[in-house]
PDB file of N, CA and C in Angstrom:
ATOM      1  N   MET A   1       0.669  -1.434   6.005  1.00  0.00           N
ATOM      2  CA  MET A   1       0.789  -2.915   5.396  1.00  0.00           C
ATOM      3  C   MET A   1      -0.652  -3.347   5.054  1.00  0.00           C
ATOM      4  N   PRO A   2      -0.785  -3.829   3.830  1.00  0.00           N
ATOM      5  CA  PRO A   2      -2.051  -4.402   3.437  1.00  0.00           C
ATOM      6  C   PRO A   2      -2.487  -5.355   4.369  1.00  0.00           C
ATOM      7  N   ARG A   3      -3.908  -5.274   4.714  1.00  0.00           N
ATOM      8  CA  ARG A   3      -4.115  -6.308   5.775  1.00  0.00           C
ATOM      9  C   ARG A   3      -4.174  -7.642   5.417  1.00  0.00           C
ATOM     10  N   GLU A   4      -4.104  -8.074   4.196  1.00  0.00           N
ATOM     11  CA  GLU A   4      -4.057  -9.504   3.848  1.00  0.00           C
ATOM     12  C   GLU A   4      -2.607 -10.169   3.745  1.00  0.00           C
ATOM     13  N   ILE A   5      -1.591  -9.284   3.924  1.00  0.00           N
ATOM     14  CA  ILE A   5      -0.129  -9.653   3.753  1.00  0.00           C
ATOM     15  C   ILE A   5       0.325  -9.654   5.259  1.00  0.00           C
ATOM     16  N   PRO A   6       0.868 -10.663   5.679  1.00  0.00           N
ATOM     17  CA  PRO A   6       1.593 -10.660   7.121  1.00  0.00           C
ATOM     18  C   PRO A   6       2.638  -9.562   6.977  1.00  0.00           C
ATOM     19  N   THR A   7       2.815  -9.026   8.220  1.00  0.00           N
ATOM     20  CA  THR A   7       3.861  -7.800   8.294  1.00  0.00           C
ATOM     21  C   THR A   7       5.233  -8.322   7.836  1.00  0.00           C
ATOM     22  N   HIS A   8       5.627  -9.558   8.369  1.00  0.00           N
ATOM     23  CA  HIS A   8       6.983  -9.961   8.234  1.00  0.00           C
ATOM     24  C   HIS A   8       7.210 -10.154   6.586  1.00  0.00           C
ATOM     25  N   LEU A   9       6.187 -10.427   5.757  1.00  0.00           N
ATOM     26  CA  LEU A   9       6.492 -10.606   4.425  1.00  0.00           C
ATOM     27  C   LEU A   9       6.516  -9.198   3.721  1.00  0.00           C
ATOM     28  N   TRP A  10       5.653  -8.313   4.223  1.00  0.00           N
ATOM     29  CA  TRP A  10       5.638  -6.888   3.805  1.00  0.00           C
ATOM     30  C   TRP A  10       7.091  -6.337   4.040  1.00  0.00           C
ATOM     31  N   VAL A  11       7.628  -6.426   5.187  1.00  0.00           N
ATOM     32  CA  VAL A  11       8.933  -5.893   5.522  1.00  0.00           C
ATOM     33  C   VAL A  11       9.879  -6.628   4.694  1.00  0.00           C
ATOM     34  N   SER A  12       9.981  -7.979   4.530  1.00  0.00           N
ATOM     35  CA  SER A  12      10.936  -8.473   3.619  1.00  0.00           C
ATOM     36  C   SER A  12      10.971  -7.912   2.239  1.00  0.00           C
ATOM     37  N   ALA A  13       9.746  -7.655   1.676  1.00  0.00           N
ATOM     38  CA  ALA A  13       9.654  -7.012   0.530  1.00  0.00           C
ATOM     39  C   ALA A  13      10.162  -5.530   0.229  1.00  0.00           C
ATOM     40  N   LEU A  14       9.955  -4.836   1.415  1.00  0.00           N
ATOM     41  CA  LEU A  14      10.497  -3.515   1.544  1.00  0.00           C
ATOM     42  C   LEU A  14      12.089  -3.631   1.562  1.00  0.00           C
ATOM     43  N   LEU A  15      12.675  -4.500   2.410  1.00  0.00           N
ATOM     44  CA  LEU A  15      14.096  -4.540   2.371  1.00  0.00           C
ATOM     45  C   LEU A  15      14.657  -4.980   1.003  1.00  0.00           C
ATOM     46  N   ARG A  16      13.925  -5.833   0.397  1.00  0.00           N
ATOM     47  CA  ARG A  16      14.395  -6.225  -1.011  1.00  0.00           C
ATOM     48  C   ARG A  16      14.484  -5.011  -2.053  1.00  0.00           C
ATOM     49  N   ARG A  17      13.348  -4.325  -2.006  1.00  0.00           N
ATOM     50  CA  ARG A  17      13.226  -3.239  -2.955  1.00  0.00           C
ATOM     51  C   ARG A  17      14.394  -2.200  -2.657  1.00  0.00           C
ATOM     52  N   ALA A  18      14.683  -1.886  -1.355  1.00  0.00           N
ATOM     53  CA  ALA A  18      15.607  -0.980  -1.052  1.00  0.00           C
ATOM     54  C   ALA A  18      17.127  -1.575  -1.476  1.00  0.00           C
ATOM     55  N   SER A  19      17.231  -2.937  -1.178  1.00  0.00           N
ATOM     56  CA  SER A  19      18.452  -3.389  -1.570  1.00  0.00           C
ATOM     57  C   SER A  19      18.675  -3.371  -3.168  1.00  0.00           C
ATOM     58  N   LEU A  20      17.617  -3.685  -3.789  1.00  0.00           N
ATOM     59  CA  LEU A  20      17.716  -3.598  -5.275  1.00  0.00           C
ATOM     60  C   LEU A  20      17.904  -2.249  -5.972  1.00  0.00           C
ATOM     61  N   GLY A  21      17.483  -1.167  -5.060  1.00  0.00           N
ATOM     62  CA  GLY A  21      17.680   0.186  -5.451  1.00  0.00           C
ATOM     63  C   GLY A  21      19.105   0.802  -5.065  1.00  0.00           C
ATOM     64  N   GLY A  22      19.787  -0.029  -4.482  1.00  0.00           N
ATOM     65  CA  GLY A  22      21.239   0.408  -3.915  1.00  0.00           C
ATOM     66  C   GLY A  22      21.299   1.024  -2.747  1.00  0.00           C
ATOM     67  N   ALA A  23      20.342   1.019  -1.862  1.00  0.00           N
ATOM     68  CA  ALA A  23      20.230   1.405  -0.720  1.00  0.00           C
ATOM     69  C   ALA A  23      20.592   0.466   0.445  1.00  0.00           C
ATOM     70  N   PHE A  24      20.918   0.759   1.745  1.00  0.00           N
ATOM     71  CA  PHE A  24      20.931  -0.135   2.838  1.00  0.00           C
ATOM     72  C   PHE A  24      19.811  -0.228   3.648  1.00  0.00           C
ATOM     73  N   ALA A  25      19.260  -1.298   3.994  1.00  0.00           N
ATOM     74  CA  ALA A  25      18.082  -1.284   4.895  1.00  0.00           C
ATOM     75  C   ALA A  25      18.140  -2.444   5.903  1.00  0.00           C
ATOM     76  N   THR A  26      17.708  -2.165   7.154  1.00  0.00           N
ATOM     77  CA  THR A  26      17.730  -3.168   8.075  1.00  0.00           C
ATOM     78  C   THR A  26      16.495  -3.026   8.993  1.00  0.00           C
ATOM     79  N   ILE A  27      16.159  -4.063   9.751  1.00  0.00           N
ATOM     80  CA  ILE A  27      15.167  -4.052  10.690  1.00  0.00           C
ATOM     81  C   ILE A  27      15.908  -3.892  12.132  1.00  0.00           C
ATOM     82  N   VAL A  28      15.338  -2.583  12.587  1.00  0.00           N
ATOM     83  CA  VAL A  28      15.788  -2.104  13.861  1.00  0.00           C
ATOM     84  C   VAL A  28      15.080  -2.755  15.089  1.00  0.00           C
ATOM     85  N   HIS A  29      13.769  -3.012  14.781  1.00  0.00           N
ATOM     86  CA  HIS A  29      13.016  -3.758  15.757  1.00  0.00           C
ATOM     87  C   HIS A  29      11.902  -4.515  15.201  1.00  0.00           C
ATOM     88  N   ARG A  30      11.725  -5.695  15.608  1.00  0.00           N
ATOM     89  CA  ARG A  30      10.620  -6.611  15.067  1.00  0.00           C
ATOM     90  C   ARG A  30       9.528  -6.666  15.950  1.00  0.00           C
ATOM     91  N   GLY A  31       8.394  -6.449  15.310  1.00  0.00           N
ATOM     92  CA  GLY A  31       7.095  -6.473  16.044  1.00  0.00           C
ATOM     93  C   GLY A  31       6.301  -7.839  15.930  1.00  0.00           C
ATOM     94  N   ASP A  32       5.067  -7.788  15.915  1.00  0.00           N
ATOM     95  CA  ASP A  32       4.244  -8.894  15.569  1.00  0.00           C
ATOM     96  C   ASP A  32       4.236  -9.433  14.131  1.00  0.00           C
ATOM     97  N   ALA A  33       4.710 -10.670  14.075  1.00  0.00           N
ATOM     98  CA  ALA A  33       4.954 -11.097  12.600  1.00  0.00           C
ATOM     99  C   ALA A  33       3.758 -11.040  11.618  1.00  0.00           C
ATOM    100  N   ASP A  34       2.664 -10.939  12.087  1.00  0.00           N
ATOM    101  CA  ASP A  34       1.418 -10.959  11.289  1.00  0.00           C
ATOM    102  C   ASP A  34       0.740  -9.694  11.213  1.00  0.00           C
ATOM    103  N   ARG A  35       0.695  -8.977  12.392  1.00  0.00           N
ATOM    104  CA  ARG A  35      -0.236  -7.732  12.328  1.00  0.00           C
ATOM    105  C   ARG A  35       0.389  -6.397  12.925  1.00  0.00           C
ATOM    106  N   GLY A  36       1.712  -6.457  13.033  1.00  0.00           N
ATOM    107  CA  GLY A  36       2.382  -5.196  13.650  1.00  0.00           C
ATOM    108  C   GLY A  36       2.491  -4.127  12.539  1.00  0.00           C
ATOM    109  N   ASP A  37       2.227  -2.845  12.974  1.00  0.00           N
ATOM    110  CA  ASP A  37       2.538  -1.685  12.209  1.00  0.00           C
ATOM    111  C   ASP A  37       3.961  -1.572  11.933  1.00  0.00           C
ATOM    112  N   VAL A  38       4.495  -0.822  10.921  1.00  0.00           N
ATOM    113  CA  VAL A  38       5.837  -0.514  10.412  1.00  0.00           C
ATOM    114  C   VAL A  38       6.150   1.027  10.491  1.00  0.00           C
ATOM    115  N   LEU A  39       7.148   1.411  11.180  1.00  0.00           N
ATOM    116  CA  LEU A  39       7.706   2.622  10.940  1.00  0.00           C
ATOM    117  C   LEU A  39       8.881   2.591  10.160  1.00  0.00           C
ATOM    118  N   VAL A  40       8.991   3.523   9.061  1.00  0.00           N
ATOM    119  CA  VAL A  40      10.089   3.451   8.244  1.00  0.00           C
ATOM    120  C   VAL A  40      10.878   4.758   8.371  1.00  0.00           C
ATOM    121  N   LYS A  41      12.138   4.618   8.855  1.00  0.00           N
ATOM    122  CA  LYS A  41      13.132   5.691   9.081  1.00  0.00           C
ATOM    123  C   LYS A  41      14.044   5.746   7.889  1.00  0.00           C
ATOM    124  N   VAL A  42      14.077   6.982   7.180  1.00  0.00           N
ATOM    125  CA  VAL A  42      15.038   7.078   6.010  1.00  0.00           C
ATOM    126  C   VAL A  42      16.010   8.089   6.348  1.00  0.00           C
ATOM    127  N   MET A  43      17.327   7.574   6.511  1.00  0.00           N
ATOM    128  CA  MET A  43      18.480   8.474   6.687  1.00  0.00           C
ATOM    129  C   MET A  43      19.009   8.952   5.383  1.00  0.00           C
ATOM    130  N   ARG A  44      19.341  10.403   5.371  1.00  0.00           N
ATOM    131  CA  ARG A  44      19.928  10.944   4.230  1.00  0.00           C
ATOM    132  C   ARG A  44      21.246  11.486   4.697  1.00  0.00           C
ATOM    133  N   ALA A  45      21.918  12.238   3.739  1.00  0.00           N
ATOM    134  CA  ALA A  45      23.252  12.833   4.256  1.00  0.00           C
ATOM    135  C   ALA A  45      23.098  13.698   5.302  1.00  0.00           C
ATOM    136  N   ARG A  46      24.172  14.083   5.937  1.00  0.00           N
ATOM    137  CA  ARG A  46      24.288  14.983   7.053  1.00  0.00           C
ATOM    138  C   ARG A  46      23.474  14.797   8.143  1.00  0.00           C
ATOM    139  N   GLY A  47      23.068  13.473   8.676  1.00  0.00           N
ATOM    140  CA  GLY A  47      22.210  13.317   9.649  1.00  0.00           C
ATOM    141  C   GLY A  47      20.713  13.724   9.638  1.00  0.00           C
ATOM    142  N   GLU A  48      20.254  14.029   8.411  1.00  0.00           N
ATOM    143  CA  GLU A  48      18.894  14.397   8.221  1.00  0.00           C
ATOM    144  C   GLU A  48      18.067  12.856   8.049  1.00  0.00           C
ATOM    145  N   ALA A  49      16.968  13.016   8.615  1.00  0.00           N
ATOM    146  CA  ALA A  49      16.103  11.828   8.465  1.00  0.00           C
ATOM    147  C   ALA A  49      14.651  12.270   8.380  1.00  0.00           C
ATOM    148  N   ASP A  50      13.956  11.268   7.710  1.00  0.00           N
ATOM    149  CA  ASP A  50      12.569  11.327   7.531  1.00  0.00           C
ATOM    150  C   ASP A  50      11.826  10.088   8.137  1.00  0.00           C
ATOM    151  N   LEU A  51      10.662  10.227   8.670  1.00  0.00           N
ATOM    152  CA  LEU A  51       9.923   9.066   9.219  1.00  0.00           C
ATOM    153  C   LEU A  51       8.597   8.981   8.662  1.00  0.00           C
ATOM    154  N   TYR A  52       8.334   7.624   8.201  1.00  0.00           N
ATOM    155  CA  TYR A  52       7.024   7.328   7.515  1.00  0.00           C
ATOM    156  C   TYR A  52       6.331   6.410   8.495  1.00  0.00           C
ATOM    157  N   ALA A  53       5.047   6.637   8.798  1.00  0.00           N
ATOM    158  CA  ALA A  53       4.112   5.964   9.554  1.00  0.00           C
ATOM    159  C   ALA A  53       2.791   5.591   8.960  1.00  0.00           C
ATOM    160  N   PRO A  54       2.194   4.540   9.277  1.00  0.00           N
ATOM    161  CA  PRO A  54       1.012   4.151   8.759  1.00  0.00           C
ATOM    162  C   PRO A  54      -0.095   5.242   8.939  1.00  0.00           C
ATOM    163  N   ALA A  55      -0.870   5.582   8.124  1.00  0.00           N
ATOM    164  CA  ALA A  55      -1.801   6.708   8.112  1.00  0.00           C
ATOM    165  C   ALA A  55      -3.271   6.020   8.461  1.00  0.00           C
ATOM    166  N   PHE A  56      -3.972   6.688   9.293  1.00  0.00           N
ATOM    167  CA  PHE A  56      -5.285   6.069   9.560  1.00  0.00           C
ATOM    168  C   PHE A  56      -6.350   6.194   8.411  1.00  0.00           C
ATOM    169  N   ASN A  57      -6.635   5.130   7.899  1.00  0.00           N
ATOM    170  CA  ASN A  57      -7.522   4.848   6.684  1.00  0.00           C
ATOM    171  C   ASN A  57      -8.383   3.683   6.983  1.00  0.00           C
ATOM    172  N   PRO A  58      -9.508   3.730   7.799  1.00  0.00           N
ATOM    173  CA  PRO A  58     -10.288   2.495   8.228  1.00  0.00           C
ATOM    174  C   PRO A  58     -10.885   1.946   7.042  1.00  0.00           C
ATOM    175  N   GLU A  59     -11.167   2.530   5.934  1.00  0.00           N
ATOM    176  CA  GLU A  59     -11.947   1.803   4.890  1.00  0.00           C
ATOM    177  C   GLU A  59     -11.205   1.619   3.511  1.00  0.00           C
ATOM    178  N   GLY A  60      -9.973   2.303   3.222  1.00  0.00           N
ATOM    179  CA  GLY A  60      -9.337   2.163   2.110  1.00  0.00           C
ATOM    180  C   GLY A  60      -8.117   1.286   2.196  1.00  0.00           C
ATOM    181  N   PRO A  61      -7.354   1.299   1.226  1.00  0.00           N
ATOM    182  CA  PRO A  61      -5.942   0.504   1.233  1.00  0.00           C
ATOM    183  C   PRO A  61      -4.921   1.323   2.199  1.00  0.00           C
ATOM    184  N   THR A  62      -3.850   0.701   2.579  1.00  0.00           N
ATOM    185  CA  THR A  62      -2.997   1.265   3.329  1.00  0.00           C
ATOM    186  C   THR A  62      -2.354   2.391   2.771  1.00  0.00           C
ATOM    187  N   GLU A  63      -2.014   3.419   3.600  1.00  0.00           N
ATOM    188  CA  GLU A  63      -1.474   4.573   3.227  1.00  0.00           C
ATOM    189  C   GLU A  63      -0.347   5.042   4.277  1.00  0.00           C
ATOM    190  N   PHE A  64       0.604   5.565   3.915  1.00  0.00           N
ATOM    191  CA  PHE A  64       1.595   6.194   5.031  1.00  0.00           C
ATOM    192  C   PHE A  64       1.392   7.630   5.022  1.00  0.00           C
ATOM    193  N   GLU A  65       1.959   8.141   6.016  1.00  0.00           N
ATOM    194  CA  GLU A  65       2.136   9.640   6.075  1.00  0.00           C
ATOM    195  C   GLU A  65       3.688   9.880   6.466  1.00  0.00           C
ATOM    196  N   GLN A  66       4.128  10.931   5.866  1.00  0.00           N
ATOM    197  CA  GLN A  66       5.580  11.295   6.222  1.00  0.00           C
ATOM    198  C   GLN A  66       5.472  12.354   7.367  1.00  0.00           C
ATOM    199  N   LEU A  67       6.081  12.070   8.365  1.00  0.00           N
ATOM    200  CA  LEU A  67       6.159  13.078   9.372  1.00  0.00           C
ATOM    201  C   LEU A  67       7.162  14.088   9.058  1.00  0.00           C
ATOM    202  N   SER A  68       7.170  15.143   9.819  1.00  0.00           N
ATOM    203  CA  SER A  68       7.994  16.302   9.601  1.00  0.00           C
ATOM    204  C   SER A  68       9.570  15.813   9.363  1.00  0.00           C
ATOM    205  N   ALA A  69      10.155  16.200   8.421  1.00  0.00           N
ATOM    206  CA  ALA A  69      11.703  15.944   8.454  1.00  0.00           C
ATOM    207  C   ALA A  69      12.423  16.518   9.627  1.00  0.00           C
ATOM    208  N   GLN A  70      13.291  15.802  10.155  1.00  0.00           N
ATOM    209  CA  GLN A  70      14.060  16.297  11.313  1.00  0.00           C
ATOM    210  C   GLN A  70      15.496  15.672  11.388  1.00  0.00           C
ATOM    211  N   ASP A  71      16.228  15.988  12.332  1.00  0.00           N
ATOM    212  CA  ASP A  71      17.438  15.439  12.445  1.00  0.00           C
ATOM    213  C   ASP A  71      17.205  13.877  12.925  1.00  0.00           C
ATOM    214  N   GLU A  72      18.284  13.258  12.951  1.00  0.00           N
ATOM    215  CA  GLU A  72      18.121  11.782  13.336  1.00  0.00           C
ATOM    216  C   GLU A  72      17.894  11.671  14.741  1.00  0.00           C
ATOM    217  N   ALA A  73      18.168  12.497  15.740  1.00  0.00           N
ATOM    218  CA  ALA A  73      17.825  12.401  17.004  1.00  0.00           C
ATOM    219  C   ALA A  73      16.260  12.664  17.343  1.00  0.00           C
ATOM    220  N   GLY A  74      15.835  13.669  16.662  1.00  0.00           N
ATOM    221  CA  GLY A  74      14.369  13.872  16.597  1.00  0.00           C
ATOM    222  C   GLY A  74      13.527  12.794  16.189  1.00  0.00           C
ATOM    223  N   VAL A  75      13.988  12.079  15.107  1.00  0.00           N
ATOM    224  CA  VAL A  75      13.341  10.969  14.637  1.00  0.00           C
ATOM    225  C   VAL A  75      13.334   9.783  15.475  1.00  0.00           C
ATOM    226  N   ASP A  76      14.481   9.472  16.157  1.00  0.00           N
ATOM    227  CA  ASP A  76      14.653   8.544  17.092  1.00  0.00           C
ATOM    228  C   ASP A  76      13.795   8.705  18.275  1.00  0.00           C
ATOM    229  N   SER A  77      13.575   9.888  18.745  1.00  0.00           N
ATOM    230  CA  SER A  77      12.828  10.212  19.839  1.00  0.00           C
ATOM    231  C   SER A  77      11.321   9.828  19.558  1.00  0.00           C
ATOM    232  N   VAL A  78      10.895  10.045  18.319  1.00  0.00           N
ATOM    233  CA  VAL A  78       9.470   9.761  17.952  1.00  0.00           C
ATOM    234  C   VAL A  78       9.273   8.162  17.950  1.00  0.00           C
ATOM    235  N   ILE A  79      10.406   7.740  17.487  1.00  0.00           N
ATOM    236  CA  ILE A  79      10.186   6.159  17.399  1.00  0.00           C
ATOM    237  C   ILE A  79      10.232   5.610  18.771  1.00  0.00           C
ATOM    238  N   ALA A  80      10.999   6.100  19.818  1.00  0.00           N
ATOM    239  CA  ALA A  80      11.109   5.530  21.068  1.00  0.00           C
ATOM    240  C   ALA A  80       9.658   5.747  21.729  1.00  0.00           C
ATOM    241  N   ARG A  81       9.027   6.767  21.569  1.00  0.00           N
ATOM    242  CA  ARG A  81       7.778   7.130  22.144  1.00  0.00           C
ATOM    243  C   ARG A  81       6.763   6.136  21.575  1.00  0.00           C
ATOM    244  N   ARG A  82       6.726   5.913  20.300  1.00  0.00           N
ATOM    245  CA  ARG A  82       5.766   5.056  19.706  1.00  0.00           C
ATOM    246  C   ARG A  82       6.089   3.538  20.114  1.00  0.00           C
ATOM    247  N   ARG A  83       7.275   3.185  20.128  1.00  0.00           N
ATOM    248  CA  ARG A  83       7.542   1.815  20.566  1.00  0.00           C
ATOM    249  C   ARG A  83       7.239   1.587  22.083  1.00  0.00           C
ATOM    250  N   SER A  84       7.173   2.483  23.025  1.00  0.00           N
ATOM    251  CA  SER A  84       6.838   2.462  24.220  1.00  0.00           C
ATOM    252  C   SER A  84       5.485   2.263  24.567  1.00  0.00           C
ATOM    253  N   SER A  85       4.523   2.617  23.549  1.00  0.00           N
ATOM    254  CA  SER A  85       3.049   2.415  23.598  1.00  0.00           C
ATOM    255  C   SER A  85       2.624   1.206  22.798  1.00  0.00           C
ATOM    256  N   ASP A  86       3.461   0.588  21.837  1.00  0.00           N
ATOM    257  CA  ASP A  86       3.159  -0.374  20.822  1.00  0.00           C
ATOM    258  C   ASP A  86       4.127  -1.404  20.709  1.00  0.00           C
ATOM    259  N   ARG A  87       4.036  -2.532  21.538  1.00  0.00           N
ATOM    260  CA  ARG A  87       5.014  -3.646  21.461  1.00  0.00           C
ATOM    261  C   ARG A  87       4.951  -4.440  20.148  1.00  0.00           C
ATOM    262  N   ASP A  88       3.986  -4.311  19.463  1.00  0.00           N
ATOM    263  CA  ASP A  88       3.903  -5.090  18.055  1.00  0.00           C
ATOM    264  C   ASP A  88       4.539  -4.277  16.982  1.00  0.00           C
ATOM    265  N   LEU A  89       5.007  -3.086  17.231  1.00  0.00           N
ATOM    266  CA  LEU A  89       5.590  -2.244  16.333  1.00  0.00           C
ATOM    267  C   LEU A  89       6.936  -2.659  15.547  1.00  0.00           C
ATOM    268  N   TRP A  90       7.006  -2.684  14.400  1.00  0.00           N
ATOM    269  CA  TRP A  90       8.237  -2.905  13.585  1.00  0.00           C
ATOM    270  C   TRP A  90       8.907  -1.418  13.354  1.00  0.00           C
ATOM    271  N   VAL A  91      10.235  -1.418  13.320  1.00  0.00           N
ATOM    272  CA  VAL A  91      11.058  -0.371  12.933  1.00  0.00           C
ATOM    273  C   VAL A  91      12.151  -0.802  11.898  1.00  0.00           C
ATOM    274  N   VAL A  92      11.803  -0.116  10.780  1.00  0.00           N
ATOM    275  CA  VAL A  92      12.915  -0.453   9.581  1.00  0.00           C
ATOM    276  C   VAL A  92      13.696   0.859   9.260  1.00  0.00           C
ATOM    277  N   GLU A  93      15.049   0.727   9.074  1.00  0.00           N
ATOM    278  CA  GLU A  93      15.835   1.831   8.792  1.00  0.00           C
ATOM    279  C   GLU A  93      16.483   1.736   7.322  1.00  0.00           C
ATOM    280  N   ILE A  94      16.343   2.675   6.567  1.00  0.00           N
ATOM    281  CA  ILE A  94      16.931   2.822   5.319  1.00  0.00           C
ATOM    282  C   ILE A  94      18.072   3.885   5.242  1.00  0.00           C
ATOM    283  N   GLU A  95      19.166   3.453   4.795  1.00  0.00           N
ATOM    284  CA  GLU A  95      20.077   4.532   4.575  1.00  0.00           C
ATOM    285  C   GLU A  95      20.254   4.606   3.029  1.00  0.00           C
ATOM    286  N   ASP A  96      19.737   5.976   2.495  1.00  0.00           N
ATOM    287  CA  ASP A  96      19.882   6.262   1.231  1.00  0.00           C
ATOM    288  C   ASP A  96      20.156   7.695   0.910  1.00  0.00           C
ATOM    289  N   SER A  97      21.206   8.021   0.188  1.00  0.00           N
ATOM    290  CA  SER A  97      21.604   9.353   0.042  1.00  0.00           C
ATOM    291  C   SER A  97      20.506  10.219  -0.747  1.00  0.00           C
ATOM    292  N   GLN A  98      19.736   9.505  -1.648  1.00  0.00           N
ATOM    293  CA  GLN A  98      18.657  10.284  -2.300  1.00  0.00           C
ATOM    294  C   GLN A  98      17.436  10.502  -1.504  1.00  0.00           C
ATOM    295  N   GLY A  99      17.215   9.856  -0.274  1.00  0.00           N
ATOM    296  CA  GLY A  99      16.160   9.875   0.717  1.00  0.00           C
ATOM    297  C   GLY A  99      15.000   9.158   0.251  1.00  0.00           C
ATOM    298  N   ARG A 100      15.158   8.048  -0.641  1.00  0.00           N
ATOM    299  CA  ARG A 100      14.131   7.307  -1.132  1.00  0.00           C
ATOM    300  C   ARG A 100      13.513   6.399   0.072  1.00  0.00           C
ATOM    301  N   ASN A 101      12.176   6.138   0.035  1.00  0.00           N
ATOM    302  CA  ASN A 101      11.629   5.461   1.077  1.00  0.00           C
ATOM    303  C   ASN A 101      11.211   3.993   0.553  1.00  0.00           C
ATOM    304  N   PHE A 102      11.277   3.823  -0.629  1.00  0.00           N
ATOM    305  CA  PHE A 102      10.952   2.390  -1.289  1.00  0.00           C
ATOM    306  C   PHE A 102       9.483   1.829  -0.881  1.00  0.00           C
ATOM    307  N   LEU A 103       8.490   2.809  -0.476  1.00  0.00           N
ATOM    308  CA  LEU A 103       7.343   2.410  -0.183  1.00  0.00           C
ATOM    309  C   LEU A 103       6.444   2.250  -1.480  1.00  0.00           C
ATOM    310  N   THR A 104       5.665   1.300  -1.553  1.00  0.00           N
ATOM    311  CA  THR A 104       4.771   1.256  -2.846  1.00  0.00           C
ATOM    312  C   THR A 104       3.406   1.825  -2.514  1.00  0.00           C
ATOM    313  N   GLU A 105       3.049   2.015  -1.222  1.00  0.00           N
ATOM    314  CA  GLU A 105       1.806   2.669  -0.759  1.00  0.00           C
ATOM    315  C   GLU A 105       1.833   4.144  -1.017  1.00  0.00           C
ATOM    316  N   PRO A 106       0.618   4.700  -1.253  1.00  0.00           N
ATOM    317  CA  PRO A 106       0.592   6.174  -1.336  1.00  0.00           C
ATOM    318  C   PRO A 106       1.062   6.709  -0.132  1.00  0.00           C
ATOM    319  N   VAL A 107       1.737   7.874  -0.055  1.00  0.00           N
ATOM    320  CA  VAL A 107       2.428   8.575   1.168  1.00  0.00           C
ATOM    321  C   VAL A 107       1.673  10.126   1.024  1.00  0.00           C
ATOM    322  N   ARG A 108       1.222  10.381   2.186  1.00  0.00           N
ATOM    323  CA  ARG A 108       0.513  11.714   2.463  1.00  0.00           C
ATOM    324  C   ARG A 108       1.782  12.492   3.017  1.00  0.00           C
ATOM    325  N   ARG A 109       1.996  13.656   2.424  1.00  0.00           N
ATOM    326  CA  ARG A 109       3.190  14.607   2.735  1.00  0.00           C
ATOM    327  C   ARG A 109       2.634  15.592   3.809  1.00  0.00           C
ATOM    328  N   PRO A 110       3.583  15.903   4.807  1.00  0.00           N
ATOM    329  CA  PRO A 110       3.279  17.058   5.614  1.00  0.00           C
ATOM    330  C   PRO A 110       2.903  18.228   5.098  1.00  0.00           C
ATOM    331  N   ASN A 111       2.283  19.222   5.732  1.00  0.00           N
ATOM    332  CA  ASN A 111       1.885  20.481   5.216  1.00  0.00           C
ATOM    333  C   ASN A 111       3.235  21.241   4.734  1.00  0.00           C
ATOM    334  N   GLY A 112       3.286  21.945   3.750  1.00  0.00           N
ATOM    335  CA  GLY A 112       4.420  22.627   3.264  1.00  0.00           C
ATOM    336  C   GLY A 112       5.379  21.825   2.363  1.00  0.00           C
ATOM    337  N   TYR A 113       5.085  20.513   2.023  1.00  0.00           N
ATOM    338  CA  TYR A 113       5.831  19.805   1.237  1.00  0.00           C
ATOM    339  C   TYR A 113       5.364  19.631  -0.155  1.00  0.00           C
TER     340      TYR A 113
END
């Protein structure tokens, strides 16, 4: 999330982009309204899921990284671990058969993608 935009506004814009794109998106967990990080879970067909998390970039604009694609249970396990250590964390879930994440920020792909 860009540092100058409160998280709740950034999340609202993400939900809107997904909706306009024909996907279903919802907030699974609300974190700090102004400064919380956001995990974006993207559900595809057949229980496949991707997880996008903010990438460490202390001097530049916000970037995300795509964590390895997994089944939904694996992604949910990663989310649960991160939520247990970060009470300010937001979790947004997008259901899209094409696997689109609707992020406007640059996304770092895992090795092999």
